[in-house]
Amino acid sequence: VSQSRYSLAVVGDMFSLSSRAILTTVLDTLYNQMDKIIISIWLSTTFLTFYDISARLHLLVFALTTIIGPLVVPIASVLSAKDQHDELGVLFIRTSRYSALLTAPTALIVIVLAEPLTRFWVGEAYLSTVPATRCFISYLLLWLLMRIGMNMLIGMNRMNQVLIIQGIGTLVNLCAS
């Protein structure tokens, strides 16, 4: 009898974690697609083209912020389970540095070279997208540090905090858009 209760408790915990992970993914998808949806509803599709040019250059740099983060999840999980809080701090600092080392130079290069990259890729007619491209990419200089922290929170089974952060970010993006 105790094994079935234990199994039900484990299934309940797994369902709880999975449902929060799915909700986080839904919020992340909504956050990433929100601008396109708003532009397509309220403005002409021509503006969507301009937005998409900046968004694709942003995505090039954003992809780099996602490389190290998932590797932190299992390590943070083990350190958290062993209550090694000092080691978690060291892990955050170390992986944030690696992430910054990988992402920041690329972001700065794309920010500086946004005009020639845009001219080469899509032509002179779309140079008006350069300021938006620079703006989109510049916020990644802050995001690269948050990405590590969010992955660590996931590894530490603190999905509620991740949901709050993701929810606030989505709401701020909706209001700002």
N, C-alpha and C. Protein backbone atom coordinates (compact mmCIF):
# COMPACT_ATOMS: atom_id res chain seq x y z
N VAL A 1 0.83 -1.19 0.00
CA VAL A 1 0.00 0.00 0.00
C VAL A 1 0.87 1.25 0.00
N SER A 2 1.95 1.25 0.78
CA SER A 2 2.79 2.44 0.86
C SER A 2 3.50 2.72 -0.46
N GLN A 3 3.79 1.64 -1.21
CA GLN A 3 4.44 1.85 -2.50
C GLN A 3 3.50 2.55 -3.47
N SER A 4 2.22 2.23 -3.45
CA SER A 4 1.29 2.89 -4.36
C SER A 4 1.12 4.35 -4.00
N ARG A 5 1.13 4.68 -2.69
CA ARG A 5 1.07 6.09 -2.30
C ARG A 5 2.32 6.83 -2.73
N TYR A 6 3.46 6.17 -2.58
CA TYR A 6 4.71 6.77 -3.00
C TYR A 6 4.69 7.00 -4.50
N SER A 7 4.21 6.02 -5.24
CA SER A 7 4.13 6.15 -6.69
C SER A 7 3.20 7.28 -7.09
N LEU A 8 2.06 7.40 -6.41
CA LEU A 8 1.13 8.49 -6.70
C LEU A 8 1.77 9.83 -6.37
N ALA A 9 2.53 9.90 -5.29
CA ALA A 9 3.20 11.15 -4.93
C ALA A 9 4.23 11.52 -5.98
N VAL A 10 4.98 10.53 -6.46
CA VAL A 10 5.98 10.78 -7.50
C VAL A 10 5.29 11.24 -8.79
N VAL A 11 4.21 10.56 -9.16
CA VAL A 11 3.47 10.96 -10.37
C VAL A 11 2.93 12.37 -10.21
N GLY A 12 2.41 12.70 -9.03
CA GLY A 12 1.92 14.05 -8.77
C GLY A 12 3.01 15.09 -8.90
N ASP A 13 4.18 14.79 -8.33
CA ASP A 13 5.31 15.72 -8.44
C ASP A 13 5.75 15.89 -9.89
N MET A 14 5.79 14.79 -10.61
CA MET A 14 6.19 14.85 -12.02
C MET A 14 5.18 15.66 -12.83
N PHE A 15 3.89 15.46 -12.56
CA PHE A 15 2.86 16.22 -13.26
C PHE A 15 2.98 17.70 -12.94
N SER A 16 3.21 18.02 -11.67
CA SER A 16 3.34 19.41 -11.26
C SER A 16 4.51 20.09 -11.96
N LEU A 17 5.66 19.41 -11.95
CA LEU A 17 6.85 19.97 -12.61
C LEU A 17 6.63 20.09 -14.11
N SER A 18 6.08 19.06 -14.72
CA SER A 18 5.84 19.07 -16.16
C SER A 18 4.87 20.16 -16.56
N SER A 19 3.80 20.33 -15.79
CA SER A 19 2.81 21.36 -16.14
C SER A 19 3.42 22.75 -16.02
N ARG A 20 4.27 22.97 -15.02
CA ARG A 20 4.93 24.27 -14.90
C ARG A 20 5.94 24.47 -16.03
N ALA A 21 6.62 23.42 -16.44
CA ALA A 21 7.56 23.52 -17.57
C ALA A 21 6.82 23.84 -18.86
N ILE A 22 5.67 23.21 -19.06
CA ILE A 22 4.87 23.47 -20.27
C ILE A 22 4.36 24.91 -20.25
N LEU A 23 3.87 25.37 -19.09
CA LEU A 23 3.39 26.74 -18.99
C LEU A 23 4.52 27.74 -19.26
N THR A 24 5.71 27.45 -18.76
CA THR A 24 6.86 28.31 -19.03
C THR A 24 7.16 28.35 -20.52
N THR A 25 7.09 27.20 -21.18
CA THR A 25 7.34 27.14 -22.62
C THR A 25 6.28 27.91 -23.40
N VAL A 26 5.03 27.81 -22.98
CA VAL A 26 3.95 28.56 -23.64
C VAL A 26 4.18 30.06 -23.48
N LEU A 27 4.53 30.49 -22.26
CA LEU A 27 4.81 31.91 -22.03
C LEU A 27 6.01 32.38 -22.85
N ASP A 28 7.03 31.55 -22.95
CA ASP A 28 8.22 31.89 -23.74
C ASP A 28 7.86 32.03 -25.21
N THR A 29 7.05 31.12 -25.71
CA THR A 29 6.62 31.18 -27.11
C THR A 29 5.78 32.43 -27.35
N LEU A 30 4.85 32.70 -26.45
CA LEU A 30 4.02 33.90 -26.56
C LEU A 30 4.89 35.16 -26.54
N TYR A 31 5.85 35.19 -25.62
CA TYR A 31 6.76 36.33 -25.52
C TYR A 31 7.51 36.54 -26.85
N ASN A 32 8.02 35.45 -27.41
CA ASN A 32 8.82 35.56 -28.63
C ASN A 32 8.00 35.86 -29.88
N GLN A 33 6.73 35.54 -29.88
CA GLN A 33 5.89 35.77 -31.07
C GLN A 33 4.98 36.98 -30.93
N MET A 34 4.91 37.55 -29.73
CA MET A 34 3.96 38.62 -29.45
C MET A 34 4.12 39.82 -30.38
N ASP A 35 5.33 40.26 -30.60
CA ASP A 35 5.55 41.43 -31.45
C ASP A 35 5.05 41.19 -32.87
N LYS A 36 5.31 40.01 -33.41
CA LYS A 36 4.84 39.70 -34.76
C LYS A 36 3.32 39.70 -34.82
N ILE A 37 2.70 39.13 -33.82
CA ILE A 37 1.23 39.09 -33.79
C ILE A 37 0.66 40.51 -33.72
N ILE A 38 1.21 41.33 -32.83
CA ILE A 38 0.72 42.70 -32.68
C ILE A 38 0.94 43.50 -33.96
N ILE A 39 2.11 43.38 -34.57
CA ILE A 39 2.38 44.10 -35.82
C ILE A 39 1.43 43.66 -36.91
N SER A 40 1.22 42.35 -37.02
CA SER A 40 0.34 41.87 -38.10
C SER A 40 -1.11 42.26 -37.89
N ILE A 41 -1.53 42.46 -36.64
CA ILE A 41 -2.92 42.86 -36.37
C ILE A 41 -3.11 44.37 -36.57
N TRP A 42 -2.20 45.17 -36.03
CA TRP A 42 -2.40 46.61 -35.98
C TRP A 42 -1.73 47.39 -37.11
N LEU A 43 -0.72 46.80 -37.74
CA LEU A 43 0.00 47.51 -38.80
C LEU A 43 -0.03 46.68 -40.08
N SER A 44 0.55 47.19 -41.11
CA SER A 44 0.58 46.44 -42.38
C SER A 44 1.69 45.39 -42.35
N THR A 45 1.60 44.44 -43.24
CA THR A 45 2.60 43.38 -43.30
C THR A 45 3.96 43.92 -43.72
N THR A 46 4.00 45.10 -44.31
CA THR A 46 5.28 45.72 -44.65
C THR A 46 6.11 45.94 -43.39
N PHE A 47 5.46 46.37 -42.32
CA PHE A 47 6.16 46.58 -41.05
C PHE A 47 6.67 45.26 -40.49
N LEU A 48 5.94 44.18 -40.76
CA LEU A 48 6.37 42.86 -40.31
C LEU A 48 7.68 42.47 -40.99
N THR A 49 7.84 42.84 -42.24
CA THR A 49 9.09 42.59 -42.97
C THR A 49 10.24 43.32 -42.30
N PHE A 50 10.03 44.60 -41.98
CA PHE A 50 11.08 45.38 -41.32
C PHE A 50 11.43 44.77 -39.96
N TYR A 51 10.39 44.41 -39.21
CA TYR A 51 10.62 43.79 -37.89
C TYR A 51 11.40 42.48 -38.04
N ASP A 52 11.03 41.69 -39.02
CA ASP A 52 11.63 40.37 -39.19
C ASP A 52 13.13 40.45 -39.51
N ILE A 53 13.53 41.47 -40.23
CA ILE A 53 14.96 41.64 -40.54
C ILE A 53 15.74 41.84 -39.24
N SER A 54 15.26 42.73 -38.39
CA SER A 54 15.94 42.95 -37.10
C SER A 54 15.85 41.71 -36.22
N ALA A 55 14.70 41.07 -36.23
CA ALA A 55 14.50 39.90 -35.38
C ALA A 55 15.42 38.74 -35.77
N ARG A 56 15.69 38.59 -37.04
CA ARG A 56 16.56 37.48 -37.47
C ARG A 56 18.02 37.72 -37.08
N LEU A 57 18.47 38.95 -37.16
CA LEU A 57 19.83 39.24 -36.69
C LEU A 57 19.90 39.08 -35.17
N HIS A 58 18.83 39.46 -34.48
CA HIS A 58 18.74 39.25 -33.03
C HIS A 58 18.80 37.76 -32.72
N LEU A 59 18.09 36.95 -33.48
CA LEU A 59 18.04 35.51 -33.24
C LEU A 59 19.41 34.87 -33.40
N LEU A 60 20.20 35.39 -34.31
CA LEU A 60 21.56 34.89 -34.50
C LEU A 60 22.36 34.98 -33.20
N VAL A 61 22.27 36.12 -32.53
CA VAL A 61 22.99 36.32 -31.29
C VAL A 61 22.29 35.59 -30.13
N PHE A 62 20.96 35.62 -30.12
CA PHE A 62 20.19 34.97 -29.06
C PHE A 62 20.51 33.49 -28.97
N ALA A 63 20.72 32.86 -30.11
CA ALA A 63 21.03 31.42 -30.11
C ALA A 63 22.27 31.12 -29.27
N LEU A 64 23.21 32.05 -29.25
CA LEU A 64 24.42 31.84 -28.45
C LEU A 64 24.12 31.85 -26.94
N THR A 65 23.07 32.60 -26.54
CA THR A 65 22.75 32.65 -25.12
C THR A 65 22.14 31.33 -24.63
N THR A 66 21.72 30.49 -25.55
CA THR A 66 21.06 29.24 -25.17
C THR A 66 22.01 28.05 -25.15
N ILE A 67 23.26 28.23 -25.49
CA ILE A 67 24.19 27.11 -25.59
C ILE A 67 24.60 26.59 -24.21
N ILE A 68 25.01 27.45 -23.32
CA ILE A 68 25.55 27.03 -22.03
C ILE A 68 24.45 26.74 -21.01
N GLY A 69 23.35 27.50 -21.05
CA GLY A 69 22.29 27.39 -20.06
C GLY A 69 21.79 25.99 -19.78
N PRO A 70 21.41 25.21 -20.79
CA PRO A 70 20.90 23.86 -20.51
C PRO A 70 21.92 22.94 -19.84
N LEU A 71 23.20 23.21 -20.04
CA LEU A 71 24.23 22.39 -19.40
C LEU A 71 24.29 22.61 -17.89
N VAL A 72 23.77 23.74 -17.43
CA VAL A 72 23.80 24.10 -16.02
C VAL A 72 22.71 23.37 -15.23
N VAL A 73 21.61 23.00 -15.89
CA VAL A 73 20.45 22.43 -15.19
C VAL A 73 20.81 21.21 -14.33
N PRO A 74 21.45 20.17 -14.87
CA PRO A 74 21.72 19.01 -14.01
C PRO A 74 22.74 19.31 -12.90
N ILE A 75 23.70 20.16 -13.18
CA ILE A 75 24.69 20.50 -12.16
C ILE A 75 24.03 21.27 -11.02
N ALA A 76 23.18 22.23 -11.37
CA ALA A 76 22.45 22.99 -10.35
C ALA A 76 21.54 22.07 -9.54
N SER A 77 20.97 21.09 -10.18
CA SER A 77 20.08 20.13 -9.50
C SER A 77 20.85 19.35 -8.44
N VAL A 78 22.01 18.84 -8.82
CA VAL A 78 22.83 18.06 -7.88
C VAL A 78 23.31 18.95 -6.73
N LEU A 79 23.81 20.14 -7.04
CA LEU A 79 24.31 21.03 -5.99
C LEU A 79 23.19 21.46 -5.05
N SER A 80 22.02 21.71 -5.60
CA SER A 80 20.88 22.09 -4.77
C SER A 80 20.45 20.94 -3.87
N ALA A 81 20.41 19.73 -4.41
CA ALA A 81 20.02 18.55 -3.63
C ALA A 81 20.99 18.31 -2.47
N LYS A 82 22.25 18.67 -2.67
CA LYS A 82 23.27 18.50 -1.62
C LYS A 82 23.41 19.74 -0.74
N ASP A 83 22.52 20.75 -0.94
CA ASP A 83 22.56 22.00 -0.18
C ASP A 83 23.92 22.69 -0.25
N GLN A 84 24.55 22.64 -1.40
CA GLN A 84 25.85 23.28 -1.60
C GLN A 84 25.65 24.67 -2.22
N HIS A 85 25.13 25.57 -1.39
CA HIS A 85 24.76 26.89 -1.88
C HIS A 85 25.96 27.71 -2.34
N ASP A 86 27.08 27.56 -1.67
CA ASP A 86 28.28 28.29 -2.10
C ASP A 86 28.71 27.84 -3.49
N GLU A 87 28.64 26.55 -3.73
CA GLU A 87 28.99 26.00 -5.04
C GLU A 87 28.01 26.47 -6.12
N LEU A 88 26.74 26.63 -5.75
CA LEU A 88 25.76 27.17 -6.71
C LEU A 88 26.15 28.59 -7.13
N GLY A 89 26.61 29.38 -6.17
CA GLY A 89 27.08 30.74 -6.48
C GLY A 89 28.27 30.72 -7.41
N VAL A 90 29.21 29.81 -7.14
CA VAL A 90 30.38 29.67 -8.00
C VAL A 90 29.96 29.24 -9.40
N LEU A 91 29.02 28.29 -9.47
CA LEU A 91 28.51 27.82 -10.76
C LEU A 91 27.88 28.97 -11.54
N PHE A 92 27.08 29.79 -10.87
CA PHE A 92 26.44 30.92 -11.54
C PHE A 92 27.47 31.89 -12.10
N ILE A 93 28.44 32.25 -11.28
CA ILE A 93 29.48 33.20 -11.73
C ILE A 93 30.27 32.62 -12.89
N ARG A 94 30.71 31.38 -12.74
CA ARG A 94 31.55 30.76 -13.77
C ARG A 94 30.79 30.62 -15.10
N THR A 95 29.59 30.10 -15.05
CA THR A 95 28.85 29.88 -16.31
C THR A 95 28.37 31.20 -16.90
N SER A 96 28.10 32.19 -16.06
CA SER A 96 27.76 33.52 -16.59
C SER A 96 28.94 34.11 -17.35
N ARG A 97 30.12 33.90 -16.82
CA ARG A 97 31.33 34.39 -17.52
C ARG A 97 31.49 33.69 -18.86
N TYR A 98 31.30 32.37 -18.89
CA TYR A 98 31.41 31.63 -20.16
C TYR A 98 30.36 32.12 -21.15
N SER A 99 29.15 32.29 -20.67
CA SER A 99 28.08 32.75 -21.54
C SER A 99 28.38 34.15 -22.07
N ALA A 100 28.87 35.03 -21.19
CA ALA A 100 29.23 36.38 -21.62
C ALA A 100 30.38 36.36 -22.61
N LEU A 101 31.36 35.49 -22.36
CA LEU A 101 32.50 35.37 -23.26
C LEU A 101 32.08 34.92 -24.65
N LEU A 102 31.08 34.07 -24.70
CA LEU A 102 30.59 33.55 -25.98
C LEU A 102 29.67 34.55 -26.68
N THR A 103 28.81 35.20 -25.91
CA THR A 103 27.75 36.01 -26.50
C THR A 103 28.11 37.49 -26.67
N ALA A 104 28.71 38.10 -25.66
CA ALA A 104 28.94 39.55 -25.70
C ALA A 104 29.76 40.01 -26.90
N PRO A 105 30.88 39.37 -27.22
CA PRO A 105 31.62 39.85 -28.39
C PRO A 105 30.81 39.75 -29.69
N THR A 106 30.06 38.68 -29.83
CA THR A 106 29.23 38.52 -31.03
C THR A 106 28.16 39.60 -31.08
N ALA A 107 27.52 39.85 -29.93
CA ALA A 107 26.49 40.89 -29.88
C ALA A 107 27.08 42.25 -30.25
N LEU A 108 28.23 42.57 -29.68
CA LEU A 108 28.85 43.86 -29.96
C LEU A 108 29.26 43.98 -31.43
N ILE A 109 29.77 42.90 -31.99
CA ILE A 109 30.15 42.91 -33.41
C ILE A 109 28.93 43.14 -34.29
N VAL A 110 27.82 42.44 -33.99
CA VAL A 110 26.61 42.62 -34.80
C VAL A 110 26.03 44.02 -34.61
N ILE A 111 26.10 44.56 -33.39
CA ILE A 111 25.63 45.93 -33.15
C ILE A 111 26.44 46.91 -33.99
N VAL A 112 27.76 46.78 -33.96
CA VAL A 112 28.64 47.70 -34.70
C VAL A 112 28.47 47.52 -36.21
N LEU A 113 28.35 46.27 -36.65
CA LEU A 113 28.27 45.99 -38.09
C LEU A 113 26.84 45.83 -38.60
N ALA A 114 25.86 46.27 -37.85
CA ALA A 114 24.46 46.08 -38.25
C ALA A 114 24.17 46.71 -39.61
N GLU A 115 24.72 47.89 -39.86
CA GLU A 115 24.44 48.56 -41.14
C GLU A 115 25.03 47.78 -42.32
N PRO A 116 26.33 47.45 -42.31
CA PRO A 116 26.84 46.69 -43.46
C PRO A 116 26.23 45.28 -43.57
N LEU A 117 25.92 44.65 -42.46
CA LEU A 117 25.27 43.33 -42.51
C LEU A 117 23.90 43.42 -43.18
N THR A 118 23.14 44.44 -42.78
CA THR A 118 21.81 44.63 -43.36
C THR A 118 21.91 44.96 -44.84
N ARG A 119 22.84 45.84 -45.20
CA ARG A 119 23.02 46.22 -46.61
C ARG A 119 23.39 45.01 -47.45
N PHE A 120 24.31 44.19 -46.94
CA PHE A 120 24.76 43.01 -47.67
C PHE A 120 23.65 41.96 -47.78
N TRP A 121 22.90 41.79 -46.70
CA TRP A 121 21.89 40.72 -46.64
C TRP A 121 20.63 41.06 -47.43
N VAL A 122 20.04 42.25 -47.18
CA VAL A 122 18.75 42.56 -47.80
C VAL A 122 18.75 43.83 -48.64
N GLY A 123 19.83 44.59 -48.61
CA GLY A 123 19.93 45.75 -49.49
C GLY A 123 19.68 47.08 -48.79
N GLU A 124 19.99 48.14 -49.55
CA GLU A 124 19.91 49.52 -49.06
C GLU A 124 18.50 49.89 -48.60
N ALA A 125 17.48 49.33 -49.22
CA ALA A 125 16.10 49.71 -48.91
C ALA A 125 15.70 49.41 -47.47
N TYR A 126 16.45 48.56 -46.82
CA TYR A 126 16.07 48.14 -45.46
C TYR A 126 17.03 48.65 -44.38
N LEU A 127 17.83 49.65 -44.71
CA LEU A 127 18.76 50.20 -43.71
C LEU A 127 18.03 50.89 -42.56
N SER A 128 16.77 51.22 -42.76
CA SER A 128 16.01 51.84 -41.67
C SER A 128 15.78 50.87 -40.51
N THR A 129 16.07 49.59 -40.71
CA THR A 129 15.90 48.60 -39.64
C THR A 129 17.11 48.55 -38.69
N VAL A 130 18.18 49.21 -39.04
CA VAL A 130 19.42 49.14 -38.26
C VAL A 130 19.23 49.58 -36.80
N PRO A 131 18.58 50.72 -36.52
CA PRO A 131 18.39 51.08 -35.11
C PRO A 131 17.62 50.03 -34.31
N ALA A 132 16.59 49.46 -34.90
CA ALA A 132 15.82 48.42 -34.20
C ALA A 132 16.69 47.19 -33.98
N THR A 133 17.50 46.84 -34.97
CA THR A 133 18.41 45.69 -34.82
C THR A 133 19.35 45.92 -33.65
N ARG A 134 19.92 47.09 -33.58
CA ARG A 134 20.86 47.40 -32.50
C ARG A 134 20.15 47.36 -31.14
N CYS A 135 18.94 47.85 -31.09
CA CYS A 135 18.17 47.83 -29.84
C CYS A 135 17.86 46.39 -29.43
N PHE A 136 17.39 45.57 -30.37
CA PHE A 136 17.05 44.17 -30.08
C PHE A 136 18.26 43.42 -29.55
N ILE A 137 19.40 43.65 -30.16
CA ILE A 137 20.60 42.91 -29.77
C ILE A 137 21.19 43.44 -28.46
N SER A 138 21.06 44.74 -28.22
CA SER A 138 21.67 45.30 -27.00
C SER A 138 21.03 44.74 -25.74
N TYR A 139 19.75 44.44 -25.77
CA TYR A 139 19.15 43.89 -24.55
C TYR A 139 19.67 42.49 -24.25
N LEU A 140 20.20 41.81 -25.26
CA LEU A 140 20.78 40.48 -25.02
C LEU A 140 22.01 40.53 -24.14
N LEU A 141 22.65 41.68 -24.08
CA LEU A 141 23.81 41.81 -23.20
C LEU A 141 23.40 41.65 -21.73
N LEU A 142 22.16 41.98 -21.40
CA LEU A 142 21.64 41.72 -20.06
C LEU A 142 21.02 40.32 -19.97
N TRP A 143 20.33 39.93 -21.02
CA TRP A 143 19.62 38.65 -21.04
C TRP A 143 20.56 37.47 -20.88
N LEU A 144 21.77 37.57 -21.39
CA LEU A 144 22.68 36.43 -21.33
C LEU A 144 22.98 36.03 -19.89
N LEU A 145 22.93 36.98 -18.97
CA LEU A 145 23.14 36.65 -17.56
C LEU A 145 21.88 36.06 -16.93
N MET A 146 20.73 36.57 -17.33
CA MET A 146 19.48 36.04 -16.79
C MET A 146 19.22 34.61 -17.26
N ARG A 147 19.63 34.29 -18.44
CA ARG A 147 19.39 32.96 -19.00
C ARG A 147 20.05 31.89 -18.13
N ILE A 148 21.26 32.14 -17.68
CA ILE A 148 21.96 31.19 -16.80
C ILE A 148 21.18 31.03 -15.50
N GLY A 149 20.78 32.14 -14.90
CA GLY A 149 20.04 32.09 -13.65
C GLY A 149 18.73 31.34 -13.78
N MET A 150 18.02 31.55 -14.87
CA MET A 150 16.74 30.85 -15.06
C MET A 150 16.97 29.34 -15.22
N ASN A 151 18.00 28.96 -15.94
CA ASN A 151 18.31 27.54 -16.07
C ASN A 151 18.72 26.93 -14.73
N MET A 152 19.43 27.69 -13.93
CA MET A 152 19.79 27.19 -12.60
C MET A 152 18.54 27.02 -11.74
N LEU A 153 17.61 27.96 -11.82
CA LEU A 153 16.36 27.84 -11.06
C LEU A 153 15.59 26.59 -11.48
N ILE A 154 15.59 26.29 -12.75
CA ILE A 154 14.93 25.07 -13.23
C ILE A 154 15.61 23.85 -12.62
N GLY A 155 16.92 23.83 -12.63
CA GLY A 155 17.66 22.70 -12.05
C GLY A 155 17.45 22.56 -10.56
N MET A 156 17.18 23.67 -9.90
CA MET A 156 16.96 23.66 -8.45
C MET A 156 15.48 23.40 -8.11
N ASN A 157 14.68 23.09 -9.13
CA ASN A 157 13.24 22.82 -8.98
C ASN A 157 12.51 24.04 -8.41
N ARG A 158 12.86 25.18 -8.91
CA ARG A 158 12.19 26.42 -8.52
C ARG A 158 11.44 27.00 -9.72
N MET A 159 10.61 26.16 -10.29
CA MET A 159 9.86 26.55 -11.48
C MET A 159 8.88 27.68 -11.20
N ASN A 160 8.40 27.80 -9.97
CA ASN A 160 7.48 28.89 -9.66
C ASN A 160 8.14 30.25 -9.89
N GLN A 161 9.40 30.37 -9.49
CA GLN A 161 10.13 31.62 -9.71
C GLN A 161 10.32 31.87 -11.21
N VAL A 162 10.62 30.80 -11.95
CA VAL A 162 10.79 30.94 -13.40
C VAL A 162 9.47 31.38 -14.03
N LEU A 163 8.37 30.79 -13.59
CA LEU A 163 7.05 31.18 -14.11
C LEU A 163 6.75 32.65 -13.83
N ILE A 164 7.08 33.11 -12.62
CA ILE A 164 6.84 34.52 -12.27
C ILE A 164 7.68 35.43 -13.17
N ILE A 165 8.95 35.10 -13.32
CA ILE A 165 9.84 35.91 -14.17
C ILE A 165 9.32 35.92 -15.61
N GLN A 166 8.97 34.74 -16.12
CA GLN A 166 8.49 34.64 -17.50
C GLN A 166 7.16 35.38 -17.66
N GLY A 167 6.28 35.26 -16.68
CA GLY A 167 4.99 35.95 -16.74
C GLY A 167 5.15 37.45 -16.73
N ILE A 168 6.00 37.97 -15.84
CA ILE A 168 6.25 39.41 -15.78
C ILE A 168 6.87 39.89 -17.09
N GLY A 169 7.85 39.14 -17.61
CA GLY A 169 8.48 39.51 -18.87
C GLY A 169 7.49 39.56 -20.02
N THR A 170 6.59 38.60 -20.07
CA THR A 170 5.58 38.56 -21.12
C THR A 170 4.63 39.73 -20.98
N LEU A 171 4.21 40.03 -19.76
CA LEU A 171 3.31 41.15 -19.52
C LEU A 171 3.97 42.49 -19.87
N VAL A 172 5.23 42.66 -19.48
CA VAL A 172 5.97 43.89 -19.81
C VAL A 172 6.10 44.02 -21.34
N ASN A 173 6.41 42.93 -22.01
CA ASN A 173 6.53 42.96 -23.48
C ASN A 173 5.19 43.33 -24.12
N LEU A 174 4.10 42.80 -23.58
CA LEU A 174 2.77 43.13 -24.11
C LEU A 174 2.47 44.61 -23.93
N CYS A 175 2.75 45.13 -22.74
CA CYS A 175 2.49 46.55 -22.47
C CYS A 175 3.39 47.47 -23.29
N ALA A 176 4.65 47.08 -23.45
CA ALA A 176 5.61 47.89 -24.21
C ALA A 176 5.32 47.86 -25.71
N SER A 177 4.72 46.78 -26.15
CA SER A 177 4.43 46.65 -27.58
C SER A 177 3.23 47.49 -27.93
